Amino acid sequence: MRQIGENLWVHEDSMSMMGTRLGLRMTIIRLADRAVWVHSPTAMSDRLKHQVDGIGQVKYIVAANNAHSKWLQEWCEAYPDADAYVSAGIPRKVPLSNYHILQKGMENVWKEDLLWETMPHVPLFNETVFFHQPSRSLIVTDMIQNYPEQEPEGMAGLLTKYVFEPIGFKGCCVAPPLKMGLTIKDKQAFARFIDHIRQWDFERIVVTHGDIIEDDAKTIFSDLTARFLQ
């Protein structure tokens, strides 16, 4: 685990996908009230739990995209007093008892630290993105991804070259299902969602897949999402 900003840490991990390893990133924030907020939890370990506990008391566990729930229950069981905030599709997959669905109109209980916006009418993802104001960091799950230019070797490299890259998982990109537009049920509402995010004053994009975007983050975001405003 490493600190990348004011009260902001990340933990790097990976998961298996079609026989290759896909990089994952968990984001940890210490809020103004000293509570700890965990985004997109990765596999639990004693060492990782010890490191997170060293930051403070975990009070919020956030799974903000339908595809990212593999280790959610594990974290909820490790922190039974924490509140889970999840995307709309997750309760159908994970047996949770203490949770809130991230959705438009919900009270922002982290307003001293975070702004957030949920994708409208994108049931595949139901992703919520966050803006951590103290560190000026945009935090996303699958919406924006940033894969390094160097390809892995062996079977992983072949899958990357002949499967993932041709469908759009290459370099700094919008998640291909969004890019193709087939998953967006209301394009005008999605355009308003993008425009709202553009108004946030972020200088970094913490992605869950790939390298963190540290340089020209707002320009990159604007260029990648311009298609949705046309």
C-alpha atoms as a PDB file:
ATOM      1  CA  MET A   1       0.000   0.000   0.000  1.00  0.00           C
ATOM      2  CA  ARG A   2       1.298   3.475  -0.799  1.00  0.00           C
ATOM      3  CA  GLN A   3       0.190   7.033  -0.155  1.00  0.00           C
ATOM      4  CA  ILE A   4      -0.370   9.136  -3.267  1.00  0.00           C
ATOM      5  CA  GLY A   5      -2.040  12.256  -1.886  1.00  0.00           C
ATOM      6  CA  GLU A   6      -3.423  14.029   1.147  1.00  0.00           C
ATOM      7  CA  ASN A   7      -5.174  11.299   3.201  1.00  0.00           C
ATOM      8  CA  LEU A   8      -5.222   9.126   0.066  1.00  0.00           C
ATOM      9  CA  TRP A   9      -3.699   5.654  -0.342  1.00  0.00           C
ATOM     10  CA  VAL A  10      -3.865   2.878  -2.946  1.00  0.00           C
ATOM     11  CA  HIS A  11      -3.252  -0.859  -2.845  1.00  0.00           C
ATOM     12  CA  GLU A  12      -2.248  -2.719  -6.025  1.00  0.00           C
ATOM     13  CA  ASP A  13      -3.521  -6.243  -6.696  1.00  0.00           C
ATOM     14  CA  SER A  14      -4.775  -8.370  -9.596  1.00  0.00           C
ATOM     15  CA  MET A  15      -7.437 -10.866 -10.591  1.00  0.00           C
ATOM     16  CA  SER A  16      -7.682 -13.622 -13.198  1.00  0.00           C
ATOM     17  CA  MET A  17      -9.669 -12.883 -16.364  1.00  0.00           C
ATOM     18  CA  MET A  18      -9.784 -15.314 -19.302  1.00  0.00           C
ATOM     19  CA  GLY A  19      -6.507 -16.891 -18.213  1.00  0.00           C
ATOM     20  CA  THR A  20      -4.594 -13.622 -17.815  1.00  0.00           C
ATOM     21  CA  ARG A  21      -3.929 -11.372 -14.842  1.00  0.00           C
ATOM     22  CA  LEU A  22      -5.806  -8.080 -14.779  1.00  0.00           C
ATOM     23  CA  GLY A  23      -4.440  -5.352 -12.540  1.00  0.00           C
ATOM     24  CA  LEU A  24      -6.692  -4.004  -9.794  1.00  0.00           C
ATOM     25  CA  ARG A  25      -6.409  -1.032  -7.496  1.00  0.00           C
ATOM     26  CA  MET A  26      -8.152  -0.396  -4.186  1.00  0.00           C
ATOM     27  CA  THR A  27      -8.370   3.207  -2.979  1.00  0.00           C
ATOM     28  CA  ILE A  28      -8.389   4.174   0.696  1.00  0.00           C
ATOM     29  CA  ILE A  29      -9.287   7.618   2.050  1.00  0.00           C
ATOM     30  CA  ARG A  30      -9.064   8.973   5.568  1.00  0.00           C
ATOM     31  CA  LEU A  31     -11.984  11.369   5.820  1.00  0.00           C
ATOM     32  CA  ALA A  32     -12.085  14.666   7.696  1.00  0.00           C
ATOM     33  CA  ASP A  33     -13.650  12.944  10.718  1.00  0.00           C
ATOM     34  CA  ARG A  34     -10.763  10.379  10.656  1.00  0.00           C
ATOM     35  CA  ALA A  35     -13.038   7.538   9.484  1.00  0.00           C
ATOM     36  CA  VAL A  36     -11.657   5.325   6.709  1.00  0.00           C
ATOM     37  CA  TRP A  37     -13.394   4.940   3.331  1.00  0.00           C
ATOM     38  CA  VAL A  38     -12.457   1.924   1.176  1.00  0.00           C
ATOM     39  CA  HIS A  39     -13.227   1.878  -2.557  1.00  0.00           C
ATOM     40  CA  SER A  40     -13.261  -1.256  -4.748  1.00  0.00           C
ATOM     41  CA  PRO A  41     -11.904  -3.691  -2.137  1.00  0.00           C
ATOM     42  CA  THR A  42      -9.379  -6.262  -3.300  1.00  0.00           C
ATOM     43  CA  ALA A  43      -8.532  -9.622  -1.736  1.00  0.00           C
ATOM     44  CA  MET A  44      -8.169  -9.419   2.040  1.00  0.00           C
ATOM     45  CA  SER A  45      -4.975 -10.453   3.827  1.00  0.00           C
ATOM     46  CA  ASP A  46      -3.744 -10.055   7.389  1.00  0.00           C
ATOM     47  CA  ARG A  47      -0.991  -7.711   6.203  1.00  0.00           C
ATOM     48  CA  LEU A  48      -3.359  -5.547   4.185  1.00  0.00           C
ATOM     49  CA  LYS A  49      -5.886  -5.374   7.012  1.00  0.00           C
ATOM     50  CA  HIS A  50      -3.131  -4.330   9.414  1.00  0.00           C
ATOM     51  CA  GLN A  51      -2.054  -1.549   7.038  1.00  0.00           C
ATOM     52  CA  VAL A  52      -5.598  -0.272   6.581  1.00  0.00           C
ATOM     53  CA  ASP A  53      -6.255  -0.397  10.321  1.00  0.00           C
ATOM     54  CA  GLY A  54      -3.142   1.731  10.773  1.00  0.00           C
ATOM     55  CA  ILE A  55      -4.861   4.536   8.856  1.00  0.00           C
ATOM     56  CA  GLY A  56      -7.961   4.531  11.051  1.00  0.00           C
ATOM     57  CA  GLN A  57     -11.319   2.862  11.661  1.00  0.00           C
ATOM     58  CA  VAL A  58     -12.989   1.537   8.522  1.00  0.00           C
ATOM     59  CA  LYS A  59     -16.533   2.923   8.493  1.00  0.00           C
ATOM     60  CA  TYR A  60     -17.400   2.810   4.786  1.00  0.00           C
ATOM     61  CA  ILE A  61     -16.853   0.088   2.189  1.00  0.00           C
ATOM     62  CA  VAL A  62     -17.696   1.178  -1.352  1.00  0.00           C
ATOM     63  CA  ALA A  63     -18.362  -1.130  -4.310  1.00  0.00           C
ATOM     64  CA  ALA A  64     -19.396   1.384  -6.941  1.00  0.00           C
ATOM     65  CA  ASN A  65     -19.723  -0.829 -10.017  1.00  0.00           C
ATOM     66  CA  ASN A  66     -21.745  -4.015 -10.580  1.00  0.00           C
ATOM     67  CA  ALA A  67     -18.660  -5.923 -11.777  1.00  0.00           C
ATOM     68  CA  HIS A  68     -16.576  -5.270  -8.664  1.00  0.00           C
ATOM     69  CA  SER A  69     -18.022  -7.249  -5.794  1.00  0.00           C
ATOM     70  CA  LYS A  70     -15.784 -10.348  -5.587  1.00  0.00           C
ATOM     71  CA  TRP A  71     -14.257  -9.493  -2.202  1.00  0.00           C
ATOM     72  CA  LEU A  72     -16.991  -7.197  -0.874  1.00  0.00           C
ATOM     73  CA  GLN A  73     -18.541  -9.712   1.517  1.00  0.00           C
ATOM     74  CA  GLU A  74     -15.088 -10.588   2.867  1.00  0.00           C
ATOM     75  CA  TRP A  75     -14.488  -6.952   3.800  1.00  0.00           C
ATOM     76  CA  CYS A  76     -17.981  -6.503   5.232  1.00  0.00           C
ATOM     77  CA  GLU A  77     -17.422  -9.522   7.466  1.00  0.00           C
ATOM     78  CA  ALA A  78     -14.024  -8.189   8.569  1.00  0.00           C
ATOM     79  CA  TYR A  79     -15.632  -4.811   9.411  1.00  0.00           C
ATOM     80  CA  PRO A  80     -19.189  -5.651  10.552  1.00  0.00           C
ATOM     81  CA  ASP A  81     -19.795  -2.125  11.896  1.00  0.00           C
ATOM     82  CA  ALA A  82     -18.943  -0.487   8.570  1.00  0.00           C
ATOM     83  CA  ASP A  83     -21.649   0.649   6.149  1.00  0.00           C
ATOM     84  CA  ALA A  84     -21.481  -0.739   2.616  1.00  0.00           C
ATOM     85  CA  TYR A  85     -22.351   1.611  -0.240  1.00  0.00           C
ATOM     86  CA  VAL A  86     -22.911  -0.358  -3.427  1.00  0.00           C
ATOM     87  CA  SER A  87     -24.097  -0.100  -7.024  1.00  0.00           C
ATOM     88  CA  ALA A  88     -27.645  -1.153  -7.765  1.00  0.00           C
ATOM     89  CA  GLY A  89     -26.842  -4.598  -9.153  1.00  0.00           C
ATOM     90  CA  ILE A  90     -24.655  -5.842  -6.304  1.00  0.00           C
ATOM     91  CA  PRO A  91     -27.308  -6.819  -3.701  1.00  0.00           C
ATOM     92  CA  ARG A  92     -28.605  -9.396  -6.193  1.00  0.00           C
ATOM     93  CA  LYS A  93     -25.178 -11.058  -6.195  1.00  0.00           C
ATOM     94  CA  VAL A  94     -23.813 -10.552  -2.685  1.00  0.00           C
ATOM     95  CA  PRO A  95     -25.716 -11.339   0.547  1.00  0.00           C
ATOM     96  CA  LEU A  96     -25.442  -8.026   2.413  1.00  0.00           C
ATOM     97  CA  SER A  97     -27.278  -6.950   5.541  1.00  0.00           C
ATOM     98  CA  ASN A  98     -26.027  -3.416   6.126  1.00  0.00           C
ATOM     99  CA  TYR A  99     -25.895  -1.552   2.831  1.00  0.00           C
ATOM    100  CA  HIS A 100     -27.013   1.519   0.903  1.00  0.00           C
ATOM    101  CA  ILE A 101     -27.488   1.679  -2.862  1.00  0.00           C
ATOM    102  CA  LEU A 102     -25.594   4.499  -4.529  1.00  0.00           C
ATOM    103  CA  GLN A 103     -28.154   6.465  -6.505  1.00  0.00           C
ATOM    104  CA  LYS A 104     -29.132   9.964  -7.526  1.00  0.00           C
ATOM    105  CA  GLY A 105     -30.740  11.946  -4.706  1.00  0.00           C
ATOM    106  CA  MET A 106     -29.081   9.990  -1.910  1.00  0.00           C
ATOM    107  CA  GLU A 107     -27.647  12.073   0.924  1.00  0.00           C
ATOM    108  CA  ASN A 108     -23.921  12.704   0.573  1.00  0.00           C
ATOM    109  CA  VAL A 109     -22.631  11.574   3.970  1.00  0.00           C
ATOM    110  CA  TRP A 110     -19.042  12.380   2.876  1.00  0.00           C
ATOM    111  CA  LYS A 111     -19.689  15.947   1.723  1.00  0.00           C
ATOM    112  CA  GLU A 112     -16.672  17.380   3.577  1.00  0.00           C
ATOM    113  CA  ASP A 113     -14.385  15.208   1.454  1.00  0.00           C
ATOM    114  CA  LEU A 114     -16.142  13.771  -1.582  1.00  0.00           C
ATOM    115  CA  LEU A 115     -18.459  14.731  -4.396  1.00  0.00           C
ATOM    116  CA  TRP A 116     -20.030  11.905  -6.370  1.00  0.00           C
ATOM    117  CA  GLU A 117     -22.199  11.228  -9.372  1.00  0.00           C
ATOM    118  CA  THR A 118     -23.889   8.002 -10.512  1.00  0.00           C
ATOM    119  CA  MET A 119     -24.168   6.982 -14.158  1.00  0.00           C
ATOM    120  CA  PRO A 120     -27.806   7.352 -15.217  1.00  0.00           C
ATOM    121  CA  HIS A 121     -29.479   4.556 -17.164  1.00  0.00           C
ATOM    122  CA  VAL A 122     -26.405   2.319 -17.576  1.00  0.00           C
ATOM    123  CA  PRO A 123     -27.584  -0.893 -15.884  1.00  0.00           C
ATOM    124  CA  LEU A 124     -24.527  -2.909 -16.957  1.00  0.00           C
ATOM    125  CA  PHE A 125     -22.284  -0.812 -14.731  1.00  0.00           C
ATOM    126  CA  ASN A 126     -24.432   1.412 -12.469  1.00  0.00           C
ATOM    127  CA  GLU A 127     -21.080   3.004 -11.695  1.00  0.00           C
ATOM    128  CA  THR A 128     -20.644   5.919  -9.300  1.00  0.00           C
ATOM    129  CA  VAL A 129     -17.550   8.120  -9.672  1.00  0.00           C
ATOM    130  CA  PHE A 130     -16.082  10.217  -6.879  1.00  0.00           C
ATOM    131  CA  PHE A 131     -14.101  13.432  -6.568  1.00  0.00           C
ATOM    132  CA  HIS A 132     -11.849  13.563  -3.505  1.00  0.00           C
ATOM    133  CA  GLN A 133     -11.556  17.306  -3.034  1.00  0.00           C
ATOM    134  CA  PRO A 134      -8.539  17.519  -0.657  1.00  0.00           C
ATOM    135  CA  SER A 135      -6.276  15.613  -3.082  1.00  0.00           C
ATOM    136  CA  ARG A 136      -8.103  16.773  -6.249  1.00  0.00           C
ATOM    137  CA  SER A 137      -8.478  13.155  -7.373  1.00  0.00           C
ATOM    138  CA  LEU A 138     -11.186  11.647  -9.555  1.00  0.00           C
ATOM    139  CA  ILE A 139     -11.793   8.019  -8.507  1.00  0.00           C
ATOM    140  CA  VAL A 140     -13.311   5.633 -11.047  1.00  0.00           C
ATOM    141  CA  THR A 141     -13.890   1.891 -11.318  1.00  0.00           C
ATOM    142  CA  ASP A 142     -14.316   0.791 -14.942  1.00  0.00           C
ATOM    143  CA  MET A 143     -15.345   4.013 -16.645  1.00  0.00           C
ATOM    144  CA  ILE A 144     -11.787   5.122 -17.491  1.00  0.00           C
ATOM    145  CA  GLN A 145      -8.906   2.630 -17.767  1.00  0.00           C
ATOM    146  CA  ASN A 146      -5.209   3.185 -18.501  1.00  0.00           C
ATOM    147  CA  TYR A 147      -3.151   0.249 -19.689  1.00  0.00           C
ATOM    148  CA  PRO A 148       0.649   0.529 -19.993  1.00  0.00           C
ATOM    149  CA  GLU A 149       2.155   0.300 -23.483  1.00  0.00           C
ATOM    150  CA  GLN A 150       4.345  -2.686 -22.600  1.00  0.00           C
ATOM    151  CA  GLU A 151       2.381  -5.878 -23.189  1.00  0.00           C
ATOM    152  CA  PRO A 152       2.716  -8.926 -20.909  1.00  0.00           C
ATOM    153  CA  GLU A 153       4.493 -12.009 -22.211  1.00  0.00           C
ATOM    154  CA  GLY A 154       3.223 -15.520 -22.944  1.00  0.00           C
ATOM    155  CA  MET A 155      -0.474 -16.361 -23.040  1.00  0.00           C
ATOM    156  CA  ALA A 156      -1.360 -13.143 -21.255  1.00  0.00           C
ATOM    157  CA  GLY A 157       0.352 -11.189 -24.030  1.00  0.00           C
ATOM    158  CA  LEU A 158      -1.490 -13.115 -26.739  1.00  0.00           C
ATOM    159  CA  LEU A 159      -4.854 -12.522 -25.079  1.00  0.00           C
ATOM    160  CA  THR A 160      -4.044  -8.848 -24.698  1.00  0.00           C
ATOM    161  CA  LYS A 161      -2.973  -8.479 -28.346  1.00  0.00           C
ATOM    162  CA  TYR A 162      -5.684 -10.562 -30.004  1.00  0.00           C
ATOM    163  CA  VAL A 163      -8.662 -10.286 -27.639  1.00  0.00           C
ATOM    164  CA  PHE A 164      -8.582  -7.288 -25.297  1.00  0.00           C
ATOM    165  CA  GLU A 165      -6.897  -4.658 -27.484  1.00  0.00           C
ATOM    166  CA  PRO A 166      -9.085  -5.233 -30.582  1.00  0.00           C
ATOM    167  CA  ILE A 167     -12.250  -4.599 -28.563  1.00  0.00           C
ATOM    168  CA  GLY A 168     -10.835  -1.404 -27.071  1.00  0.00           C
ATOM    169  CA  PHE A 169      -8.916  -2.262 -23.901  1.00  0.00           C
ATOM    170  CA  LYS A 170      -5.792  -0.418 -24.991  1.00  0.00           C
ATOM    171  CA  GLY A 171      -3.857   2.536 -23.613  1.00  0.00           C
ATOM    172  CA  CYS A 172      -5.924   5.210 -21.899  1.00  0.00           C
ATOM    173  CA  CYS A 173      -9.508   4.391 -22.810  1.00  0.00           C
ATOM    174  CA  VAL A 174     -13.170   4.553 -21.931  1.00  0.00           C
ATOM    175  CA  ALA A 175     -14.580   1.129 -21.041  1.00  0.00           C
ATOM    176  CA  PRO A 176     -15.452  -0.372 -24.456  1.00  0.00           C
ATOM    177  CA  PRO A 177     -19.121  -1.129 -23.594  1.00  0.00           C
ATOM    178  CA  LEU A 178     -19.563   2.589 -22.877  1.00  0.00           C
ATOM    179  CA  LYS A 179     -17.558   3.640 -25.916  1.00  0.00           C
ATOM    180  CA  MET A 180     -19.777   1.601 -28.209  1.00  0.00           C
ATOM    181  CA  GLY A 181     -22.839   3.219 -26.624  1.00  0.00           C
ATOM    182  CA  LEU A 182     -24.919   0.059 -26.536  1.00  0.00           C
ATOM    183  CA  THR A 183     -25.183   0.039 -22.742  1.00  0.00           C
ATOM    184  CA  ILE A 184     -26.301   3.685 -22.428  1.00  0.00           C
ATOM    185  CA  LYS A 185     -30.105   3.796 -22.347  1.00  0.00           C
ATOM    186  CA  ASP A 186     -30.471   7.594 -22.132  1.00  0.00           C
ATOM    187  CA  LYS A 187     -27.718   9.429 -23.995  1.00  0.00           C
ATOM    188  CA  GLN A 188     -28.885  12.913 -22.980  1.00  0.00           C
ATOM    189  CA  ALA A 189     -28.829  12.000 -19.291  1.00  0.00           C
ATOM    190  CA  PHE A 190     -25.386  10.440 -19.732  1.00  0.00           C
ATOM    191  CA  ALA A 191     -24.146  13.634 -21.389  1.00  0.00           C
ATOM    192  CA  ARG A 192     -25.297  15.622 -18.337  1.00  0.00           C
ATOM    193  CA  PHE A 193     -23.462  13.125 -16.119  1.00  0.00           C
ATOM    194  CA  ILE A 194     -20.232  13.667 -18.091  1.00  0.00           C
ATOM    195  CA  ASP A 195     -20.654  17.442 -18.072  1.00  0.00           C
ATOM    196  CA  HIS A 196     -21.094  17.422 -14.291  1.00  0.00           C
ATOM    197  CA  ILE A 197     -17.842  15.511 -13.805  1.00  0.00           C
ATOM    198  CA  ARG A 198     -16.009  17.895 -16.139  1.00  0.00           C
ATOM    199  CA  GLN A 199     -16.846  20.744 -13.785  1.00  0.00           C
ATOM    200  CA  TRP A 200     -14.898  19.141 -10.919  1.00  0.00           C
ATOM    201  CA  ASP A 201     -11.417  20.553 -10.364  1.00  0.00           C
ATOM    202  CA  PHE A 202      -9.440  17.291 -10.441  1.00  0.00           C
ATOM    203  CA  GLU A 203      -5.797  16.909 -11.427  1.00  0.00           C
ATOM    204  CA  ARG A 204      -5.469  13.128 -11.102  1.00  0.00           C
ATOM    205  CA  ILE A 205      -7.589  10.119 -12.123  1.00  0.00           C
ATOM    206  CA  VAL A 206      -7.254   7.080  -9.874  1.00  0.00           C
ATOM    207  CA  VAL A 207      -8.321   4.183 -12.063  1.00  0.00           C
ATOM    208  CA  THR A 208      -9.050   0.673 -10.847  1.00  0.00           C
ATOM    209  CA  HIS A 209      -7.443  -0.895 -13.943  1.00  0.00           C
ATOM    210  CA  GLY A 210      -4.068   0.306 -15.204  1.00  0.00           C
ATOM    211  CA  ASP A 211      -1.792   3.202 -14.344  1.00  0.00           C
ATOM    212  CA  ILE A 212      -2.984   6.195 -12.347  1.00  0.00           C
ATOM    213  CA  ILE A 213      -3.329   9.242 -14.608  1.00  0.00           C
ATOM    214  CA  GLU A 214      -1.195  11.964 -13.016  1.00  0.00           C
ATOM    215  CA  ASP A 215      -0.538  14.359 -15.914  1.00  0.00           C
ATOM    216  CA  ASP A 216      -3.130  16.429 -17.817  1.00  0.00           C
ATOM    217  CA  ALA A 217      -5.943  14.436 -16.203  1.00  0.00           C
ATOM    218  CA  LYS A 218      -8.712  16.911 -17.027  1.00  0.00           C
ATOM    219  CA  THR A 219      -7.630  17.189 -20.661  1.00  0.00           C
ATOM    220  CA  ILE A 220      -7.454  13.416 -20.989  1.00  0.00           C
ATOM    221  CA  PHE A 221     -10.887  13.009 -19.426  1.00  0.00           C
ATOM    222  CA  SER A 222     -12.352  15.678 -21.702  1.00  0.00           C
ATOM    223  CA  ASP A 223     -10.839  14.117 -24.813  1.00  0.00           C
ATOM    224  CA  LEU A 224     -11.985  10.594 -23.903  1.00  0.00           C
ATOM    225  CA  THR A 225     -15.541  11.652 -23.099  1.00  0.00           C
ATOM    226  CA  ALA A 226     -16.091  14.215 -25.878  1.00  0.00           C
ATOM    227  CA  ARG A 227     -17.989  11.546 -27.880  1.00  0.00           C
ATOM    228  CA  PHE A 228     -20.746  11.533 -25.251  1.00  0.00           C
ATOM    229  CA  LEU A 229     -21.444  15.245 -25.601  1.00  0.00           C
ATOM    230  CA  GLN A 230     -21.918  15.261 -29.376  1.00  0.00           C
END
